[in-house]
Protein backbone atom coordinates (compact mmCIF):
# COMPACT_ATOMS: atom_id res chain seq x y z
CA MET A 1 0.00 0.00 0.00
CA THR A 2 1.18 3.52 -0.80
CA GLN A 3 0.29 6.70 1.06
CA TYR A 4 -2.03 7.47 -1.87
CA THR A 5 -3.91 4.16 -1.81
CA GLU A 6 -4.17 4.27 1.98
CA ALA A 7 -5.64 7.76 1.76
CA LEU A 8 -8.12 6.66 -0.90
CA ALA A 9 -9.18 3.80 1.38
CA GLY A 10 -9.88 6.29 4.17
CA ARG A 11 -6.98 5.22 6.36
CA ILE A 12 -4.65 7.62 8.18
CA THR A 13 -1.08 6.32 8.30
CA PRO A 14 1.58 7.11 10.91
CA GLU A 15 3.28 9.25 8.27
CA MET A 16 0.10 11.29 7.79
CA LEU A 17 -0.15 11.77 11.54
CA ALA A 18 3.47 12.96 11.70
CA VAL A 19 2.92 15.47 8.88
CA ALA A 20 -0.30 16.74 10.46
CA GLU A 21 1.49 17.41 13.74
CA THR A 22 4.37 19.20 12.06
CA GLU A 23 2.07 21.35 9.93
CA PHE A 24 -0.47 22.16 12.71
CA LEU A 25 -3.27 20.61 10.66
CA GLU A 26 -5.84 17.88 11.21
CA PRO A 27 -4.86 14.34 10.14
CA GLU A 28 -8.10 13.97 8.19
CA PHE A 29 -7.25 17.07 6.16
CA ILE A 30 -3.85 15.57 5.30
CA ARG A 31 -5.52 12.33 4.24
CA GLN A 32 -7.99 14.16 2.03
CA GLU A 33 -5.25 16.18 0.33
CA ILE A 34 -3.27 13.01 -0.42
CA ALA A 35 -6.37 11.25 -1.74
CA ALA A 36 -7.01 14.23 -4.03
CA GLY A 37 -3.43 14.01 -5.34
CA HIS A 38 -2.63 17.49 -4.01
CA LEU A 39 -0.13 16.35 -1.38
CA ILE A 40 2.58 13.69 -1.25
CA ILE A 41 4.65 12.16 1.53
CA PRO A 42 7.90 10.85 -0.01
CA ALA A 43 8.63 7.91 2.28
CA ASN A 44 10.04 4.79 0.66
CA LYS A 45 9.16 1.79 2.83
CA ILE A 46 12.90 0.95 3.08
CA HIS A 47 13.90 4.47 4.16
CA ARG A 48 11.05 4.49 6.69
CA GLN A 49 12.86 1.71 8.55
CA LYS A 50 15.92 3.96 8.99
CA LYS A 51 16.12 7.60 10.09
CA LEU A 52 13.48 9.12 7.82
CA ILE A 53 11.22 11.75 9.38
CA PRO A 54 8.12 12.04 7.16
CA ALA A 55 7.59 15.37 5.39
CA GLY A 56 4.62 16.47 3.34
CA ILE A 57 4.86 18.34 0.05
CA GLY A 58 1.76 20.18 -1.11
CA SER A 59 0.53 23.71 -1.67
CA ALA A 60 -1.68 23.55 1.44
CA LEU A 61 1.39 22.97 3.62
CA ARG A 62 4.49 24.91 4.53
CA THR A 63 6.63 25.44 1.42
CA LYS A 64 9.48 22.94 1.28
CA ILE A 65 12.95 23.39 -0.20
CA ASN A 66 15.20 20.84 -1.86
CA ALA A 67 18.99 20.89 -2.16
CA ASN A 68 20.56 19.30 -5.24
CA LEU A 69 23.92 17.71 -4.45
CA GLY A 70 26.09 14.91 -5.74
CA ASN A 71 29.43 13.72 -6.96
CA SER A 72 30.83 14.72 -10.36
CA ALA A 73 32.95 12.89 -12.88
CA LEU A 74 35.19 15.99 -12.99
CA SER A 75 35.61 16.95 -9.35
CA SER A 76 34.53 16.39 -5.75
CA ASN A 77 34.48 13.09 -3.86
CA ALA A 78 32.07 10.98 -1.84
CA GLY A 79 33.21 12.27 1.55
CA CYS A 80 32.82 15.87 0.40
CA GLU A 81 29.33 15.25 -0.96
CA VAL A 82 28.14 13.58 2.23
CA ALA A 83 29.41 16.62 4.14
CA LYS A 84 27.44 18.89 1.81
CA VAL A 85 24.29 16.84 2.36
CA GLN A 86 24.73 17.13 6.12
CA TYR A 87 25.35 20.87 5.75
CA ALA A 88 22.22 21.32 3.64
CA VAL A 89 20.08 19.50 6.22
CA LYS A 90 21.68 21.46 9.06
CA TYR A 91 20.62 24.76 7.49
CA GLY A 92 17.10 23.63 6.71
CA ALA A 93 16.79 21.61 3.48
CA ASP A 94 13.55 19.61 3.64
CA THR A 95 14.73 17.11 1.02
CA VAL A 96 17.97 16.41 -0.84
CA MET A 97 18.56 15.06 -4.33
CA ASP A 98 21.62 12.94 -5.06
CA LEU A 99 22.49 13.85 -8.65
CA SER A 100 25.81 12.05 -8.58
CA THR A 101 27.72 11.09 -11.69
CA GLY A 102 31.16 9.55 -11.94
CA THR A 103 32.43 6.64 -9.85
CA GLU A 104 31.16 5.28 -6.53
CA ILE A 105 27.70 6.76 -6.96
CA ASP A 106 26.02 3.60 -5.70
CA SER A 107 27.83 3.54 -2.37
CA LEU A 108 27.43 7.32 -1.99
CA ARG A 109 23.67 7.04 -2.42
CA ARG A 110 23.48 4.24 0.11
CA GLN A 111 25.46 6.30 2.62
CA ILE A 112 23.22 9.33 2.15
CA ILE A 113 20.03 7.29 2.61
CA ASP A 114 21.44 5.64 5.73
CA GLU A 115 22.52 8.93 7.34
CA VAL A 116 19.87 11.56 6.59
CA SER A 117 16.42 11.97 8.09
CA VAL A 118 14.94 13.89 5.14
CA PRO A 119 13.53 12.39 1.92
CA VAL A 120 16.12 11.58 -0.74
CA GLY A 121 15.54 11.95 -4.48
CA THR A 122 17.51 10.81 -7.53
CA VAL A 123 17.55 10.85 -11.33
CA PRO A 124 18.02 7.12 -12.15
CA LEU A 125 19.06 7.88 -15.73
CA TYR A 126 22.41 9.18 -14.48
CA GLN A 127 23.34 5.79 -13.07
CA VAL A 128 22.32 4.05 -16.30
CA CYS A 129 24.44 6.50 -18.29
CA GLU A 130 27.47 5.81 -16.07
CA GLN A 131 27.13 2.08 -16.61
CA LEU A 132 27.19 2.35 -20.43
CA ASP A 133 29.67 3.72 -22.95
CA ASP A 134 26.90 5.78 -24.56
CA ILE A 135 23.31 6.49 -23.60
CA ALA A 136 22.30 5.18 -27.02
CA ASP A 137 23.27 1.71 -25.76
CA MET A 138 20.53 1.79 -23.14
CA THR A 139 17.67 -0.66 -23.35
CA PRO A 140 14.38 -0.13 -21.49
CA GLN A 141 15.35 -3.02 -19.22
CA HIS A 142 18.56 -1.23 -18.22
CA PHE A 143 16.43 1.61 -16.93
CA LEU A 144 13.81 -0.54 -15.23
CA ASN A 145 16.61 -2.37 -13.42
CA ALA A 146 18.16 0.91 -12.24
CA VAL A 147 14.84 2.20 -10.91
CA GLU A 148 14.19 -1.02 -9.02
CA HIS A 149 17.73 -1.05 -7.65
CA GLN A 150 17.45 2.50 -6.32
CA ALA A 151 13.98 1.80 -4.91
CA LYS A 152 15.42 -1.15 -2.99
CA GLN A 153 18.11 1.17 -1.60
CA GLY A 154 15.40 3.43 -0.16
CA VAL A 155 15.16 6.38 -2.58
CA ASP A 156 12.00 8.33 -1.73
CA TYR A 157 11.31 10.10 -5.03
CA MET A 158 12.72 9.83 -8.54
CA THR A 159 12.82 12.32 -11.37
CA ILE A 160 12.10 10.59 -14.67
CA HIS A 161 11.71 12.55 -17.90
CA ALA A 162 8.74 10.62 -19.28
CA GLY A 163 6.85 13.58 -20.76
CA LEU A 164 9.29 14.49 -23.54
CA LEU A 165 7.94 13.01 -26.79
CA GLN A 166 9.11 12.78 -30.41
CA LYS A 167 6.62 15.46 -31.44
CA HIS A 168 8.27 17.94 -29.04
CA LEU A 169 11.82 17.64 -30.40
CA PRO A 170 11.39 19.95 -33.46
CA LEU A 171 10.16 22.69 -31.14
CA ILE A 172 13.58 23.12 -29.52
CA ASP A 173 14.96 24.53 -32.79
CA ARG A 174 13.31 27.84 -31.92
CA ARG A 175 15.26 28.14 -28.67
CA LEU A 176 18.40 30.02 -27.72
CA ALA A 177 19.54 27.47 -25.14
CA GLY A 178 18.05 24.25 -26.50
CA ILE A 179 17.66 21.50 -23.89
CA VAL A 180 19.34 22.39 -20.58
CA SER A 181 18.10 19.41 -18.57
CA ARG A 182 20.77 16.70 -18.40
CA GLY A 183 18.13 13.99 -18.21
CA GLY A 184 16.10 15.62 -20.95
CA SER A 185 19.06 15.88 -23.32
CA LEU A 186 20.09 12.26 -22.75
CA THR A 187 16.52 11.08 -23.34
CA ALA A 188 16.25 13.16 -26.51
CA LYS A 189 19.53 11.74 -27.82
CA TRP A 190 18.32 8.17 -27.27
CA MET A 191 15.09 8.97 -29.11
CA ALA A 192 16.96 10.57 -32.02
CA VAL A 193 19.41 7.67 -32.40
CA HIS A 194 16.75 4.95 -32.25
CA LYS A 195 14.01 6.96 -33.97
CA LYS A 196 11.62 5.66 -31.35
CA GLU A 197 9.30 7.18 -28.78
CA ASN A 198 10.54 8.04 -25.28
CA PRO A 199 11.15 4.65 -23.58
CA PHE A 200 10.07 6.03 -20.20
CA TYR A 201 6.73 7.05 -21.70
CA GLU A 202 6.38 3.69 -23.45
CA HIS A 203 7.19 1.73 -20.29
CA PHE A 204 5.44 4.09 -17.87
CA ASP A 205 3.09 1.44 -16.51
CA GLU A 206 5.98 -0.91 -15.67
CA LEU A 207 7.78 1.93 -13.93
CA CYS A 208 4.64 2.68 -11.92
CA GLU A 209 4.51 -0.92 -10.71
CA ILE A 210 8.04 -0.63 -9.29
CA MET A 211 7.36 2.78 -7.74
CA ALA A 212 4.14 1.59 -6.12
CA GLU A 213 5.79 -1.51 -4.65
CA TYR A 214 8.20 0.62 -2.60
CA ASP A 215 6.00 3.74 -2.40
CA VAL A 216 8.51 5.82 -4.34
CA CYS A 217 7.02 9.15 -5.41
CA TRP A 218 7.08 10.19 -9.03
CA SER A 219 8.79 13.46 -9.80
CA ILE A 220 7.79 13.77 -13.44
CA GLY A 221 10.76 15.62 -14.88
CA ASP A 222 10.57 18.62 -17.18
CA GLY A 223 13.16 17.67 -19.76
CA LEU A 224 12.24 20.75 -21.81
CA ARG A 225 12.33 23.32 -19.03
CA PRO A 226 13.52 26.72 -20.27
CA GLY A 227 17.19 27.47 -19.62
CA CYS A 228 16.99 31.19 -20.38
CA LEU A 229 14.36 33.92 -20.39
CA HIS A 230 14.00 33.79 -24.17
CA ASP A 231 12.84 30.16 -24.03
CA ALA A 232 10.35 30.54 -21.17
CA SER A 233 6.70 29.58 -21.69
CA ASP A 234 7.33 28.31 -25.21
CA ALA A 235 5.63 25.56 -27.20
CA ALA A 236 8.21 22.95 -26.17
CA GLN A 237 7.76 23.59 -22.44
CA PHE A 238 3.98 23.61 -22.54
CA GLY A 239 3.76 20.72 -24.99
CA GLU A 240 5.68 18.55 -22.53
CA LEU A 241 3.50 19.85 -19.68
CA GLU A 242 0.39 18.48 -21.41
CA THR A 243 1.98 15.02 -21.48
CA MET A 244 2.96 15.37 -17.82
CA GLY A 245 -0.71 15.97 -17.01
CA GLU A 246 -1.66 12.79 -18.84
CA LEU A 247 1.03 10.82 -16.98
CA THR A 248 -0.17 12.16 -13.63
CA LEU A 249 -3.53 10.46 -14.13
CA ARG A 250 -1.85 7.24 -15.24
CA ALA A 251 0.39 7.21 -12.17
CA TRP A 252 -2.59 7.74 -9.86
CA GLN A 253 -4.32 4.79 -11.51
CA HIS A 254 -1.38 2.65 -10.35
CA GLY A 255 -1.61 4.03 -6.80
CA CYS A 256 1.54 6.17 -7.11
CA GLN A 257 2.17 9.53 -5.51
CA VAL A 258 3.10 12.27 -8.00
CA MET A 259 4.68 15.69 -8.12
CA ILE A 260 5.59 17.72 -11.20
CA GLU A 261 8.89 19.43 -11.92
CA GLY A 262 8.70 23.01 -13.11
CA PRO A 263 10.64 25.55 -15.12
CA GLY A 264 14.06 26.99 -14.43
CA HIS A 265 14.24 30.45 -16.10
CA VAL A 266 11.05 32.54 -16.24
CA PRO A 267 10.54 36.34 -16.42
CA LEU A 268 8.90 37.74 -13.31
CA ASP A 269 5.65 38.60 -15.09
CA GLN A 270 5.18 35.01 -16.33
CA ILE A 271 5.57 33.19 -13.02
CA GLU A 272 1.94 33.38 -11.88
CA MET A 273 0.72 32.14 -15.26
CA ASN A 274 3.18 29.22 -15.21
CA ILE A 275 2.13 28.09 -11.74
CA ARG A 276 -1.59 28.36 -12.41
CA ARG A 277 -1.23 26.60 -15.76
CA GLN A 278 0.62 23.68 -14.19
CA ILE A 279 -1.96 23.32 -11.44
CA GLY A 280 -4.71 23.15 -14.03
CA VAL A 281 -3.00 20.90 -16.57
CA CYS A 282 -1.61 18.49 -13.95
CA HIS A 283 -4.81 18.20 -11.92
CA GLY A 284 -3.49 19.88 -8.78
CA ALA A 285 -0.45 17.62 -8.30
CA PRO A 286 2.25 19.36 -6.22
CA PHE A 287 4.54 21.60 -8.29
CA TYR A 288 8.30 21.48 -7.66
CA VAL A 289 10.19 24.36 -9.31
CA LEU A 290 13.86 25.12 -9.92
CA GLY A 291 13.97 28.79 -8.95
CA PRO A 292 12.78 30.11 -11.29
CA VAL A 293 15.67 32.38 -12.26
CA VAL A 294 14.24 35.78 -13.24
CA CYS A 295 17.21 37.22 -15.15
CA ASP A 296 20.18 35.72 -16.96
CA ILE A 297 22.91 38.32 -16.37
CA ALA A 298 24.05 37.53 -12.83
CA PRO A 299 26.38 34.50 -12.82
CA GLY A 300 27.72 34.14 -9.30
CA TYR A 301 24.52 35.58 -7.82
CA ASP A 302 21.90 33.17 -9.10
CA HIS A 303 20.92 32.21 -5.56
CA ILE A 304 19.48 35.75 -5.49
CA THR A 305 18.01 35.91 -9.01
CA SER A 306 16.30 32.58 -8.43
CA ALA A 307 15.14 33.22 -4.86
CA ILE A 308 13.23 36.25 -6.16
CA GLY A 309 11.37 34.00 -8.58
CA ALA A 310 11.01 31.23 -6.01
CA THR A 311 9.23 33.57 -3.59
CA LEU A 312 6.63 34.44 -6.20
CA ALA A 313 6.31 30.81 -7.31
CA ALA A 314 5.63 29.67 -3.75
CA PHE A 315 3.17 32.50 -3.19
CA TYR A 316 1.18 31.42 -6.24
CA GLY A 317 1.12 27.75 -5.22
CA ALA A 318 4.42 25.94 -5.84
CA ALA A 319 4.79 23.26 -3.17
CA MET A 320 8.58 22.81 -3.19
CA LEU A 321 11.46 25.00 -4.31
CA CYS A 322 14.71 23.53 -5.59
CA TYR A 323 17.52 25.73 -4.33
CA VAL A 324 20.08 27.41 -6.56
CA THR A 325 23.55 28.24 -5.27
CA PRO A 326 25.91 31.10 -6.22
CA LYS A 327 27.85 28.58 -8.33
CA GLU A 328 24.89 27.77 -10.59
CA HIS A 329 26.00 27.81 -14.24
CA LEU A 330 29.64 28.03 -13.09
CA GLY A 331 30.64 24.93 -11.13
CA LEU A 332 29.88 22.51 -8.32
CA PRO A 333 28.97 24.23 -5.04
CA ASP A 334 31.24 24.04 -2.01
CA LEU A 335 30.01 24.05 1.59
CA GLU A 336 29.60 27.82 1.74
CA ASP A 337 27.66 27.83 -1.54
CA VAL A 338 25.34 25.16 -0.14
CA ARG A 339 24.80 27.26 2.97
CA GLN A 340 23.99 30.40 0.98
CA GLY A 341 21.68 28.53 -1.38
CA VAL A 342 19.73 26.87 1.41
CA ILE A 343 19.35 30.07 3.44
CA ALA A 344 18.26 32.08 0.38
CA TYR A 345 15.55 29.51 -0.29
CA LYS A 346 14.48 29.24 3.35
CA ILE A 347 13.87 32.98 3.16
CA ALA A 348 11.89 32.63 -0.08
CA ALA A 349 9.78 29.77 1.27
CA HIS A 350 9.16 31.47 4.60
CA ALA A 351 8.19 34.79 3.01
CA ALA A 352 5.59 32.97 0.91
CA ASP A 353 4.30 30.99 3.90
CA VAL A 354 3.80 34.19 5.90
CA ALA A 355 1.98 35.82 2.99
CA ARG A 356 -0.19 32.71 2.50
CA LYS A 357 -0.93 32.65 6.24
CA ARG A 358 0.21 29.12 6.89
CA PRO A 359 -0.50 28.07 10.52
CA HIS A 360 1.99 29.69 12.92
CA ALA A 361 4.22 30.78 10.02
CA ARG A 362 4.79 34.25 11.50
CA ASP A 363 5.30 33.18 15.12
CA ARG A 364 9.06 33.10 14.83
CA ASP A 365 9.16 36.53 13.17
CA ASP A 366 7.12 38.05 15.97
CA GLU A 367 9.26 36.45 18.66
CA LEU A 368 12.44 37.68 17.02
CA SER A 369 10.97 41.17 16.71
CA LYS A 370 10.15 41.20 20.41
CA ALA A 371 13.70 40.11 21.16
CA ARG A 372 15.11 42.79 18.85
CA PHE A 373 13.14 45.53 20.60
CA ALA A 374 14.28 44.20 23.99
CA PHE A 375 17.93 44.01 22.82
CA ASP A 376 17.86 40.31 23.65
CA TRP A 377 20.65 39.33 21.30
CA GLU A 378 20.89 35.68 22.32
CA THR A 379 17.22 35.09 21.51
CA GLN A 380 17.66 36.88 18.19
CA PHE A 381 20.54 34.58 17.30
CA ARG A 382 18.58 31.48 18.33
CA LEU A 383 15.56 32.42 16.21
CA SER A 384 17.61 33.35 13.14
CA LEU A 385 17.65 31.11 10.08
CA ASP A 386 21.44 31.18 10.32
CA PRO A 387 22.35 31.78 14.00
CA GLU A 388 26.07 31.42 13.38
CA ARG A 389 26.13 34.12 10.70
CA ALA A 390 23.98 36.48 12.78
CA ARG A 391 26.29 36.12 15.78
CA GLU A 392 29.37 36.48 13.59
CA TYR A 393 28.19 39.79 12.12
CA TYR A 394 27.04 41.10 15.49
CA GLU A 395 30.32 40.35 17.21
CA GLU A 396 32.33 41.78 14.32
CA SER A 397 30.35 45.00 14.58
CA ARG A 398 30.83 45.17 18.35
CA ARG A 399 34.58 44.81 17.97
CA GLN A 400 34.65 47.80 15.68
CA THR A 401 32.71 50.22 17.87
CA ALA A 402 34.05 53.57 18.99
CA ASP A 403 35.38 52.27 22.34
CA GLY A 404 38.62 51.36 20.61
CA CYS A 405 37.94 47.63 20.42
CA LYS A 406 38.88 47.26 16.75
CA SER A 407 38.92 44.01 14.83
CA GLY A 408 41.84 42.01 16.14
CA GLY A 409 41.70 43.77 19.50
CA PRO A 410 41.12 42.38 22.98
CA HIS A 411 37.86 40.61 22.14
CA SER A 412 38.95 39.10 18.83
CA SER A 413 39.54 35.63 20.24
CA GLY A 414 36.33 35.36 22.25
CA ALA A 415 32.68 36.34 22.44
CA VAL A 416 31.78 39.96 23.01
CA ASN A 417 29.30 41.33 25.53
CA CYS A 418 25.77 40.84 24.22
CA ASN A 419 24.06 42.85 26.97
CA GLU A 420 24.28 46.37 25.51
CA ASN A 421 20.86 48.02 25.27
CA TYR A 422 21.27 49.65 21.87
CA CYS A 423 21.67 48.47 18.32
CA THR A 424 25.03 47.83 16.70
CA MET A 425 24.38 50.18 13.78
CA CYS A 426 23.37 53.44 15.46
CA GLY A 427 24.94 53.39 18.90
CA PRO A 428 23.24 54.46 22.15
CA LYS A 429 22.54 58.09 21.17
CA PHE A 430 20.84 57.41 17.83
CA CYS A 431 19.26 54.01 18.45
CA ALA A 432 15.58 54.41 17.52
CA MET A 433 14.43 51.47 19.64
CA LYS A 434 16.29 52.74 22.71
CA THR A 435 14.77 56.18 22.15
CA THR A 436 11.31 54.63 21.77
CA GLN A 437 11.73 52.87 25.10
CA GLU A 438 12.73 56.19 26.71
CA LEU A 439 9.70 57.81 25.06
CA LYS A 440 7.42 55.20 26.61
CA LYS A 441 8.85 55.92 30.06
CA LEU A 442 8.31 59.66 29.56
CA ARG A 443 4.74 59.15 28.43
CA ASP A 444 4.04 56.74 31.30
CA GLY A 445 5.35 59.37 33.68
CA GLN A 446 3.07 62.04 32.22
CA THR A 447 0.07 59.72 32.49
CA SER A 448 0.73 58.97 36.15
C-alpha cells in the first residue's frame, strides 16, 4: 500500500499523523489532500525503517525546499558530498537530491540514505548512463533495473523525464539554449538515435509498478524546461507539460504519488501564469520548481536571481522549491555555496508561507521582533535562520565600535558582551528602539 492508496481507502497512516502534527493541521485534512493528489509524503518503505522523518509536500502545507547535491565525474568526492548533504540538512533543506555522476555513486547514495532523516531523491538515468559507454546503448530493461535497484536502496522520489515526446523535439529549434536538462538531453539523444518514442513514456506502466511496490514518489521531470528567459513559456515547455498531465492520471491509476517538476528560467511577469497553468494541466499535483531564475545576467549571484522567482512561485502555489547556489551555471557548489543557497531559499519559502498565512508561520518573526526591541541578542541569534552568521556579524560590529575595540583587538579571540541596550548600527545616542523605550517611560510618567 502507498500513502495514496491508503488515503483513498480512508486510512490515516503514521506518516500522515506525523505530517499533520508538524504542519499544525488535522490528520483527516492531510488524508484528504493526499487522496485528491494534491499532497505527497515521499517515504520509501525501506527508508522508513531507517532515520526518515516524514515530510509532506503540497501547496496547502508549509513550502518545502530541496537541495541538489552529488558527486561529479570531474571533481569532488564521496566524503565531500556527504558533508554537503549534512550541511544542507543542518541549514534547513527539507529534502535532498543525489544527482551524482562519476564513480562510486552507488555507495554514496546508500550512505546518504542511511545517514539523513529527510527524503532523498535521484535521477536514475544518471546511473544508467554511467554504466554504459553511450546512452544510445541503453535498453528499457537497463532503466527498469536501475529504478528497481534505487527503490530497494530506499530512494523516496525519482525524477524521470517521461513527458518528452518525439513530437516535441522539433520545437527546440526555436530556442536560444536548446535542452538544458541533463536527463532531458540524454533522453532526446536516445530517441533521435533509435528513432523511437521516449522509452520512459512507453514503459510508464511498468515503472509505476516498481514505484508503487516501494512507495517511491514520481517526480515527473521537465526535460524541456527553459534554460533562459527567451525560451520561457514556449511551445516545447507547454507541450511537454500536457503530457505530464496525462502521466499524472496514469500514475494515480497505479496508486503512485506524483509531483511535477517546473521551469528553471522565467521572467517575473510570467511566473503566476506558469504556476496556475501547471496546477490546471496536472490536476493539482504538487509543483516542484527550480527557482525560477528571473534574469540571466548575474552569474555568481543566481541564488538571489532565483530566490526572487522562487518567492513568487511559492506565493502562487508551488509546493517545493529547488535551491540554486551562487555557483549555478559556473561549477559545483562548495560548503559555503550550499549554505547560501539553502538560506536564500528558506527565506523565499518562509516569506511565501507568511503571505499565505500558513499556521503559525509568523510566530518566529514576531518572537524575534520582540527580542530585537528588547535588545535580547541571544534570543535573536537562536531564532535566526542562520544563528552562526547572525552572531558572527554582530560580534564583528561590536569589535569595531568607537570604544577602541577594533577588529583584532582584545575581544577578537572570544565572544563579546551581548548585553548592551542599543543596536550595533546606530549606537546608544541614535538608536531608535532605545529612544522609543525612553519615550514610553516619559509618556508613562506624564500619564501617572
